[in-house]
Amino acid sequence: SSALDQAREAAGDRDVRIAGGAETIQEYLDSCLIDEFSITLAPVLFGTGIRLFDRVDPARLALDQTRTDTSSRVTHLTYTVGKR
């Protein structure tokens, strides 16, 4: 079975947290498997990467920013995911 199935079984009634980058978020958003996610932004340039929401279909999903926590070094953004 998949890693998500194993995590759900181990978690029981508790939330399952998935860690990863843009590709992981895109995969789980595209599969409608995420209720909420957080993004941590830090002012560091890595040179290359992929755009976080390139594969997200705005006609299918609605993102609602629910929380923002900031410090001098990092910003944490939290979104809930809904269907349109």
PDB file of N, CA and C in Angstrom:
ATOM      1  N   SER A   1       0.833  -1.192   0.000  1.00  0.00           N
ATOM      2  CA  SER A   1       0.000   0.000   0.000  1.00  0.00           C
ATOM      3  C   SER A   1       0.874   1.250   0.000  1.00  0.00           C
ATOM      4  N   SER A   2       0.262   2.373  -0.257  1.00  0.00           N
ATOM      5  CA  SER A   2       1.019   3.612  -0.386  1.00  0.00           C
ATOM      6  C   SER A   2       1.473   4.124   0.974  1.00  0.00           C
ATOM      7  N   ALA A   3       2.438   5.030   0.946  1.00  0.00           N
ATOM      8  CA  ALA A   3       2.929   5.642   2.185  1.00  0.00           C
ATOM      9  C   ALA A   3       1.801   6.391   2.889  1.00  0.00           C
ATOM     10  N   LEU A   4       0.922   7.042   2.125  1.00  0.00           N
ATOM     11  CA  LEU A   4      -0.196   7.767   2.736  1.00  0.00           C
ATOM     12  C   LEU A   4      -1.138   6.798   3.440  1.00  0.00           C
ATOM     13  N   ASP A   5      -1.448   5.664   2.827  1.00  0.00           N
ATOM     14  CA  ASP A   5      -2.313   4.664   3.467  1.00  0.00           C
ATOM     15  C   ASP A   5      -1.700   4.166   4.771  1.00  0.00           C
ATOM     16  N   GLN A   6      -0.398   3.928   4.745  1.00  0.00           N
ATOM     17  CA  GLN A   6       0.293   3.461   5.953  1.00  0.00           C
ATOM     18  C   GLN A   6       0.272   4.534   7.041  1.00  0.00           C
ATOM     19  N   ALA A   7       0.466   5.785   6.648  1.00  0.00           N
ATOM     20  CA  ALA A   7       0.443   6.880   7.623  1.00  0.00           C
ATOM     21  C   ALA A   7      -0.952   7.044   8.222  1.00  0.00           C
ATOM     22  N   ARG A   8      -1.984   6.938   7.392  1.00  0.00           N
ATOM     23  CA  ARG A   8      -3.363   7.052   7.898  1.00  0.00           C
ATOM     24  C   ARG A   8      -3.669   5.940   8.895  1.00  0.00           C
ATOM     25  N   GLU A   9      -3.231   4.743   8.573  1.00  0.00           N
ATOM     26  CA  GLU A   9      -3.470   3.610   9.470  1.00  0.00           C
ATOM     27  C   GLU A   9      -2.750   3.826  10.801  1.00  0.00           C
ATOM     28  N   ALA A  10      -1.514   4.278  10.742  1.00  0.00           N
ATOM     29  CA  ALA A  10      -0.738   4.503  11.963  1.00  0.00           C
ATOM     30  C   ALA A  10      -1.303   5.666  12.781  1.00  0.00           C
ATOM     31  N   ALA A  11      -1.867   6.673  12.112  1.00  0.00           N
ATOM     32  CA  ALA A  11      -2.366   7.866  12.804  1.00  0.00           C
ATOM     33  C   ALA A  11      -3.709   7.637  13.482  1.00  0.00           C
ATOM     34  N   GLY A  12      -4.478   6.691  12.985  1.00  0.00           N
ATOM     35  CA  GLY A  12      -5.813   6.494  13.561  1.00  0.00           C
ATOM     36  C   GLY A  12      -6.669   7.721  13.332  1.00  0.00           C
ATOM     37  N   ASP A  13      -7.167   8.337  14.420  1.00  0.00           N
ATOM     38  CA  ASP A  13      -8.025   9.522  14.323  1.00  0.00           C
ATOM     39  C   ASP A  13      -7.243  10.821  14.247  1.00  0.00           C
ATOM     40  N   ARG A  14      -5.929  10.749  14.346  1.00  0.00           N
ATOM     41  CA  ARG A  14      -5.119  11.973  14.335  1.00  0.00           C
ATOM     42  C   ARG A  14      -4.815  12.409  12.904  1.00  0.00           C
ATOM     43  N   ASP A  15      -4.344  13.668  12.768  1.00  0.00           N
ATOM     44  CA  ASP A  15      -3.973  14.209  11.463  1.00  0.00           C
ATOM     45  C   ASP A  15      -2.720  13.533  10.933  1.00  0.00           C
ATOM     46  N   VAL A  16      -2.614  13.477   9.617  1.00  0.00           N
ATOM     47  CA  VAL A  16      -1.417  12.990   8.942  1.00  0.00           C
ATOM     48  C   VAL A  16      -0.712  14.193   8.334  1.00  0.00           C
ATOM     49  N   ARG A  17       0.579  14.324   8.591  1.00  0.00           N
ATOM     50  CA  ARG A  17       1.368  15.419   8.024  1.00  0.00           C
ATOM     51  C   ARG A  17       2.294  14.854   6.961  1.00  0.00           C
ATOM     52  N   ILE A  18       2.379  15.559   5.848  1.00  0.00           N
ATOM     53  CA  ILE A  18       3.228  15.157   4.728  1.00  0.00           C
ATOM     54  C   ILE A  18       4.256  16.255   4.535  1.00  0.00           C
ATOM     55  N   ALA A  19       5.526  15.883   4.487  1.00  0.00           N
ATOM     56  CA  ALA A  19       6.587  16.865   4.268  1.00  0.00           C
ATOM     57  C   ALA A  19       7.110  16.713   2.851  1.00  0.00           C
ATOM     58  N   GLY A  20       7.456  17.837   2.247  1.00  0.00           N
ATOM     59  CA  GLY A  20       8.008  17.780   0.904  1.00  0.00           C
ATOM     60  C   GLY A  20       8.043  19.152   0.278  1.00  0.00           C
ATOM     61  N   GLY A  21       8.454  19.168  -0.945  1.00  0.00           N
ATOM     62  CA  GLY A  21       8.551  20.415  -1.680  1.00  0.00           C
ATOM     63  C   GLY A  21       7.381  20.607  -2.620  1.00  0.00           C
ATOM     64  N   ALA A  22       7.593  21.450  -3.615  1.00  0.00           N
ATOM     65  CA  ALA A  22       6.532  21.823  -4.544  1.00  0.00           C
ATOM     66  C   ALA A  22       5.943  20.614  -5.273  1.00  0.00           C
ATOM     67  N   GLU A  23       6.772  19.682  -5.700  1.00  0.00           N
ATOM     68  CA  GLU A  23       6.255  18.521  -6.430  1.00  0.00           C
ATOM     69  C   GLU A  23       5.333  17.682  -5.552  1.00  0.00           C
ATOM     70  N   THR A  24       5.678  17.536  -4.278  1.00  0.00           N
ATOM     71  CA  THR A  24       4.834  16.771  -3.358  1.00  0.00           C
ATOM     72  C   THR A  24       3.503  17.474  -3.148  1.00  0.00           C
ATOM     73  N   ILE A  25       3.540  18.800  -2.916  1.00  0.00           N
ATOM     74  CA  ILE A  25       2.299  19.555  -2.736  1.00  0.00           C
ATOM     75  C   ILE A  25       1.442  19.451  -3.990  1.00  0.00           C
ATOM     76  N   GLN A  26       2.033  19.609  -5.167  1.00  0.00           N
ATOM     77  CA  GLN A  26       1.283  19.521  -6.420  1.00  0.00           C
ATOM     78  C   GLN A  26       0.619  18.157  -6.570  1.00  0.00           C
ATOM     79  N   GLU A  27       1.360  17.096  -6.284  1.00  0.00           N
ATOM     80  CA  GLU A  27       0.828  15.745  -6.439  1.00  0.00           C
ATOM     81  C   GLU A  27      -0.380  15.516  -5.532  1.00  0.00           C
ATOM     82  N   TYR A  28      -0.257  15.906  -4.274  1.00  0.00           N
ATOM     83  CA  TYR A  28      -1.344  15.675  -3.338  1.00  0.00           C
ATOM     84  C   TYR A  28      -2.513  16.629  -3.565  1.00  0.00           C
ATOM     85  N   LEU A  29      -2.262  17.880  -3.971  1.00  0.00           N
ATOM     86  CA  LEU A  29      -3.348  18.791  -4.323  1.00  0.00           C
ATOM     87  C   LEU A  29      -4.112  18.271  -5.529  1.00  0.00           C
ATOM     88  N   ASP A  30      -3.372  17.816  -6.552  1.00  0.00           N
ATOM     89  CA  ASP A  30      -3.991  17.314  -7.772  1.00  0.00           C
ATOM     90  C   ASP A  30      -4.865  16.092  -7.488  1.00  0.00           C
ATOM     91  N   SER A  31      -4.495  15.319  -6.471  1.00  0.00           N
ATOM     92  CA  SER A  31      -5.255  14.123  -6.103  1.00  0.00           C
ATOM     93  C   SER A  31      -6.336  14.411  -5.074  1.00  0.00           C
ATOM     94  N   CYS A  32      -6.508  15.700  -4.701  1.00  0.00           N
ATOM     95  CA  CYS A  32      -7.507  16.118  -3.706  1.00  0.00           C
ATOM     96  C   CYS A  32      -7.307  15.403  -2.368  1.00  0.00           C
ATOM     97  N   LEU A  33      -6.057  15.256  -1.955  1.00  0.00           N
ATOM     98  CA  LEU A  33      -5.739  14.553  -0.712  1.00  0.00           C
ATOM     99  C   LEU A  33      -5.269  15.480   0.402  1.00  0.00           C
ATOM    100  N   ILE A  34      -5.309  16.797   0.169  1.00  0.00           N
ATOM    101  CA  ILE A  34      -4.839  17.746   1.178  1.00  0.00           C
ATOM    102  C   ILE A  34      -6.006  18.614   1.631  1.00  0.00           C
ATOM    103  N   ASP A  35      -6.168  18.710   2.954  1.00  0.00           N
ATOM    104  CA  ASP A  35      -7.176  19.606   3.536  1.00  0.00           C
ATOM    105  C   ASP A  35      -6.556  20.945   3.899  1.00  0.00           C
ATOM    106  N   GLU A  36      -5.298  20.907   4.320  1.00  0.00           N
ATOM    107  CA  GLU A  36      -4.588  22.108   4.766  1.00  0.00           C
ATOM    108  C   GLU A  36      -3.099  21.905   4.515  1.00  0.00           C
ATOM    109  N   PHE A  37      -2.395  22.988   4.163  1.00  0.00           N
ATOM    110  CA  PHE A  37      -0.946  22.878   4.031  1.00  0.00           C
ATOM    111  C   PHE A  37      -0.282  24.176   4.433  1.00  0.00           C
ATOM    112  N   SER A  38       0.984  24.061   4.798  1.00  0.00           N
ATOM    113  CA  SER A  38       1.785  25.215   5.208  1.00  0.00           C
ATOM    114  C   SER A  38       2.982  25.343   4.298  1.00  0.00           C
ATOM    115  N   ILE A  39       3.334  26.587   4.032  1.00  0.00           N
ATOM    116  CA  ILE A  39       4.519  26.898   3.245  1.00  0.00           C
ATOM    117  C   ILE A  39       5.431  27.740   4.124  1.00  0.00           C
ATOM    118  N   THR A  40       6.695  27.392   4.151  1.00  0.00           N
ATOM    119  CA  THR A  40       7.674  28.186   4.878  1.00  0.00           C
ATOM    120  C   THR A  40       8.531  28.927   3.869  1.00  0.00           C
ATOM    121  N   LEU A  41       8.514  30.259   3.941  1.00  0.00           N
ATOM    122  CA  LEU A  41       9.285  31.095   3.026  1.00  0.00           C
ATOM    123  C   LEU A  41      10.472  31.691   3.774  1.00  0.00           C
ATOM    124  N   ALA A  42      11.643  31.565   3.176  1.00  0.00           N
ATOM    125  CA  ALA A  42      12.849  32.164   3.747  1.00  0.00           C
ATOM    126  C   ALA A  42      13.570  32.908   2.626  1.00  0.00           C
ATOM    127  N   PRO A  43      14.158  34.057   2.934  1.00  0.00           N
ATOM    128  CA  PRO A  43      14.818  34.862   1.891  1.00  0.00           C
ATOM    129  C   PRO A  43      16.174  34.284   1.481  1.00  0.00           C
ATOM    130  N   VAL A  44      16.128  33.107   0.862  1.00  0.00           N
ATOM    131  CA  VAL A  44      17.329  32.431   0.392  1.00  0.00           C
ATOM    132  C   VAL A  44      17.130  32.103  -1.081  1.00  0.00           C
ATOM    133  N   LEU A  45      18.094  32.398  -1.910  1.00  0.00           N
ATOM    134  CA  LEU A  45      18.009  32.081  -3.330  1.00  0.00           C
ATOM    135  C   LEU A  45      18.780  30.798  -3.616  1.00  0.00           C
ATOM    136  N   PHE A  46      18.088  29.810  -4.147  1.00  0.00           N
ATOM    137  CA  PHE A  46      18.717  28.536  -4.475  1.00  0.00           C
ATOM    138  C   PHE A  46      19.094  28.454  -5.944  1.00  0.00           C
ATOM    139  N   GLY A  47      18.630  29.372  -6.747  1.00  0.00           N
ATOM    140  CA  GLY A  47      18.989  29.388  -8.159  1.00  0.00           C
ATOM    141  C   GLY A  47      17.912  28.852  -9.070  1.00  0.00           C
ATOM    142  N   THR A  48      17.430  27.641  -8.833  1.00  0.00           N
ATOM    143  CA  THR A  48      16.399  27.067  -9.702  1.00  0.00           C
ATOM    144  C   THR A  48      15.359  26.372  -8.851  1.00  0.00           C
ATOM    145  N   GLY A  49      14.296  26.009  -9.482  1.00  0.00           N
ATOM    146  CA  GLY A  49      13.229  25.299  -8.800  1.00  0.00           C
ATOM    147  C   GLY A  49      12.007  25.264  -9.678  1.00  0.00           C
ATOM    148  N   ILE A  50      10.909  24.780  -9.118  1.00  0.00           N
ATOM    149  CA  ILE A  50       9.663  24.761  -9.874  1.00  0.00           C
ATOM    150  C   ILE A  50       8.665  25.664  -9.173  1.00  0.00           C
ATOM    151  N   ARG A  51       7.735  26.192  -9.944  1.00  0.00           N
ATOM    152  CA  ARG A  51       6.711  27.074  -9.393  1.00  0.00           C
ATOM    153  C   ARG A  51       5.692  26.236  -8.633  1.00  0.00           C
ATOM    154  N   LEU A  52       5.388  26.653  -7.424  1.00  0.00           N
ATOM    155  CA  LEU A  52       4.570  25.862  -6.515  1.00  0.00           C
ATOM    156  C   LEU A  52       3.189  25.536  -7.073  1.00  0.00           C
ATOM    157  N   PHE A  53       2.518  26.489  -7.688  1.00  0.00           N
ATOM    158  CA  PHE A  53       1.138  26.273  -8.096  1.00  0.00           C
ATOM    159  C   PHE A  53       0.966  26.094  -9.601  1.00  0.00           C
ATOM    160  N   ASP A  54       2.028  25.762 -10.329  1.00  0.00           N
ATOM    161  CA  ASP A  54       1.940  25.595 -11.781  1.00  0.00           C
ATOM    162  C   ASP A  54       0.895  24.559 -12.197  1.00  0.00           C
ATOM    163  N   ARG A  55       0.795  23.454 -11.484  1.00  0.00           N
ATOM    164  CA  ARG A  55      -0.107  22.379 -11.890  1.00  0.00           C
ATOM    165  C   ARG A  55      -1.445  22.406 -11.159  1.00  0.00           C
ATOM    166  N   VAL A  56      -1.700  23.428 -10.360  1.00  0.00           N
ATOM    167  CA  VAL A  56      -2.956  23.516  -9.625  1.00  0.00           C
ATOM    168  C   VAL A  56      -4.015  24.126 -10.535  1.00  0.00           C
ATOM    169  N   ASP A  57      -5.131  23.439 -10.683  1.00  0.00           N
ATOM    170  CA  ASP A  57      -6.225  23.897 -11.542  1.00  0.00           C
ATOM    171  C   ASP A  57      -7.157  24.797 -10.732  1.00  0.00           C
ATOM    172  N   PRO A  58      -7.146  26.112 -10.991  1.00  0.00           N
ATOM    173  CA  PRO A  58      -7.984  27.026 -10.211  1.00  0.00           C
ATOM    174  C   PRO A  58      -9.487  26.798 -10.418  1.00  0.00           C
ATOM    175  N   ALA A  59      -9.862  26.069 -11.459  1.00  0.00           N
ATOM    176  CA  ALA A  59     -11.269  25.758 -11.675  1.00  0.00           C
ATOM    177  C   ALA A  59     -11.736  24.617 -10.758  1.00  0.00           C
ATOM    178  N   ARG A  60     -10.800  23.836 -10.232  1.00  0.00           N
ATOM    179  CA  ARG A  60     -11.129  22.689  -9.368  1.00  0.00           C
ATOM    180  C   ARG A  60     -10.919  22.963  -7.894  1.00  0.00           C
ATOM    181  N   LEU A  61      -9.864  23.737  -7.571  1.00  0.00           N
ATOM    182  CA  LEU A  61      -9.486  23.932  -6.174  1.00  0.00           C
ATOM    183  C   LEU A  61      -9.530  25.389  -5.772  1.00  0.00           C
ATOM    184  N   ALA A  62      -9.916  25.623  -4.535  1.00  0.00           N
ATOM    185  CA  ALA A  62      -9.892  26.965  -3.958  1.00  0.00           C
ATOM    186  C   ALA A  62      -8.955  26.936  -2.754  1.00  0.00           C
ATOM    187  N   LEU A  63      -8.028  27.875  -2.709  1.00  0.00           N
ATOM    188  CA  LEU A  63      -7.099  27.979  -1.582  1.00  0.00           C
ATOM    189  C   LEU A  63      -7.485  29.189  -0.754  1.00  0.00           C
ATOM    190  N   ASP A  64      -7.599  28.991   0.552  1.00  0.00           N
ATOM    191  CA  ASP A  64      -7.966  30.073   1.465  1.00  0.00           C
ATOM    192  C   ASP A  64      -6.854  30.224   2.496  1.00  0.00           C
ATOM    193  N   GLN A  65      -6.178  31.372   2.487  1.00  0.00           N
ATOM    194  CA  GLN A  65      -5.098  31.594   3.454  1.00  0.00           C
ATOM    195  C   GLN A  65      -5.723  31.791   4.828  1.00  0.00           C
ATOM    196  N   THR A  66      -5.350  30.938   5.775  1.00  0.00           N
ATOM    197  CA  THR A  66      -5.965  30.960   7.096  1.00  0.00           C
ATOM    198  C   THR A  66      -5.048  31.490   8.186  1.00  0.00           C
ATOM    199  N   ARG A  67      -3.741  31.473   7.942  1.00  0.00           N
ATOM    200  CA  ARG A  67      -2.820  31.914   8.984  1.00  0.00           C
ATOM    201  C   ARG A  67      -1.519  32.388   8.364  1.00  0.00           C
ATOM    202  N   THR A  68      -0.924  33.413   8.973  1.00  0.00           N
ATOM    203  CA  THR A  68       0.389  33.903   8.591  1.00  0.00           C
ATOM    204  C   THR A  68       1.183  34.155   9.873  1.00  0.00           C
ATOM    205  N   ASP A  69       2.331  33.542   9.985  1.00  0.00           N
ATOM    206  CA  ASP A  69       3.218  33.767  11.128  1.00  0.00           C
ATOM    207  C   ASP A  69       4.554  34.233  10.573  1.00  0.00           C
ATOM    208  N   THR A  70       5.031  35.372  11.063  1.00  0.00           N
ATOM    209  CA  THR A  70       6.275  35.926  10.527  1.00  0.00           C
ATOM    210  C   THR A  70       7.298  36.182  11.626  1.00  0.00           C
ATOM    211  N   SER A  71       8.545  36.161  11.198  1.00  0.00           N
ATOM    212  CA  SER A  71       9.665  36.577  12.031  1.00  0.00           C
ATOM    213  C   SER A  71      10.635  37.310  11.113  1.00  0.00           C
ATOM    214  N   SER A  72      11.760  37.702  11.631  1.00  0.00           N
ATOM    215  CA  SER A  72      12.727  38.418  10.800  1.00  0.00           C
ATOM    216  C   SER A  72      13.404  37.507   9.780  1.00  0.00           C
ATOM    217  N   ARG A  73      13.309  36.205   9.937  1.00  0.00           N
ATOM    218  CA  ARG A  73      14.008  35.271   9.045  1.00  0.00           C
ATOM    219  C   ARG A  73      13.115  34.385   8.194  1.00  0.00           C
ATOM    220  N   VAL A  74      11.843  34.247   8.568  1.00  0.00           N
ATOM    221  CA  VAL A  74      10.991  33.293   7.868  1.00  0.00           C
ATOM    222  C   VAL A  74       9.523  33.721   7.982  1.00  0.00           C
ATOM    223  N   THR A  75       8.734  33.322   6.996  1.00  0.00           N
ATOM    224  CA  THR A  75       7.285  33.519   7.032  1.00  0.00           C
ATOM    225  C   THR A  75       6.620  32.165   6.810  1.00  0.00           C
ATOM    226  N   HIS A  76       5.665  31.833   7.663  1.00  0.00           N
ATOM    227  CA  HIS A  76       4.899  30.596   7.537  1.00  0.00           C
ATOM    228  C   HIS A  76       3.496  30.964   7.069  1.00  0.00           C
ATOM    229  N   LEU A  77       3.068  30.389   5.959  1.00  0.00           N
ATOM    230  CA  LEU A  77       1.733  30.624   5.401  1.00  0.00           C
ATOM    231  C   LEU A  77       0.943  29.328   5.482  1.00  0.00           C
ATOM    232  N   THR A  78      -0.286  29.399   5.957  1.00  0.00           N
ATOM    233  CA  THR A  78      -1.127  28.209   6.060  1.00  0.00           C
ATOM    234  C   THR A  78      -2.392  28.431   5.238  1.00  0.00           C
ATOM    235  N   TYR A  79      -2.739  27.437   4.436  1.00  0.00           N
ATOM    236  CA  TYR A  79      -3.895  27.489   3.551  1.00  0.00           C
ATOM    237  C   TYR A  79      -4.807  26.278   3.816  1.00  0.00           C
ATOM    238  N   THR A  80      -6.094  26.491   3.695  1.00  0.00           N
ATOM    239  CA  THR A  80      -7.024  25.364   3.627  1.00  0.00           C
ATOM    240  C   THR A  80      -7.382  25.177   2.160  1.00  0.00           C
ATOM    241  N   VAL A  81      -7.706  23.957   1.806  1.00  0.00           N
ATOM    242  CA  VAL A  81      -8.000  23.604   0.414  1.00  0.00           C
ATOM    243  C   VAL A  81      -9.464  23.192   0.320  1.00  0.00           C
ATOM    244  N   GLY A  82     -10.171  23.788  -0.627  1.00  0.00           N
ATOM    245  CA  GLY A  82     -11.557  23.436  -0.875  1.00  0.00           C
ATOM    246  C   GLY A  82     -11.772  23.138  -2.347  1.00  0.00           C
ATOM    247  N   LYS A  83     -12.902  22.537  -2.633  1.00  0.00           N
ATOM    248  CA  LYS A  83     -13.260  22.275  -4.032  1.00  0.00           C
ATOM    249  C   LYS A  83     -14.176  23.372  -4.527  1.00  0.00           C
ATOM    250  N   ARG A  84     -14.061  23.681  -5.783  1.00  0.00           N
ATOM    251  CA  ARG A  84     -14.965  24.664  -6.416  1.00  0.00           C
ATOM    252  C   ARG A  84     -16.125  23.952  -7.059  1.00  0.00           C
TER     253      ARG A  84
END
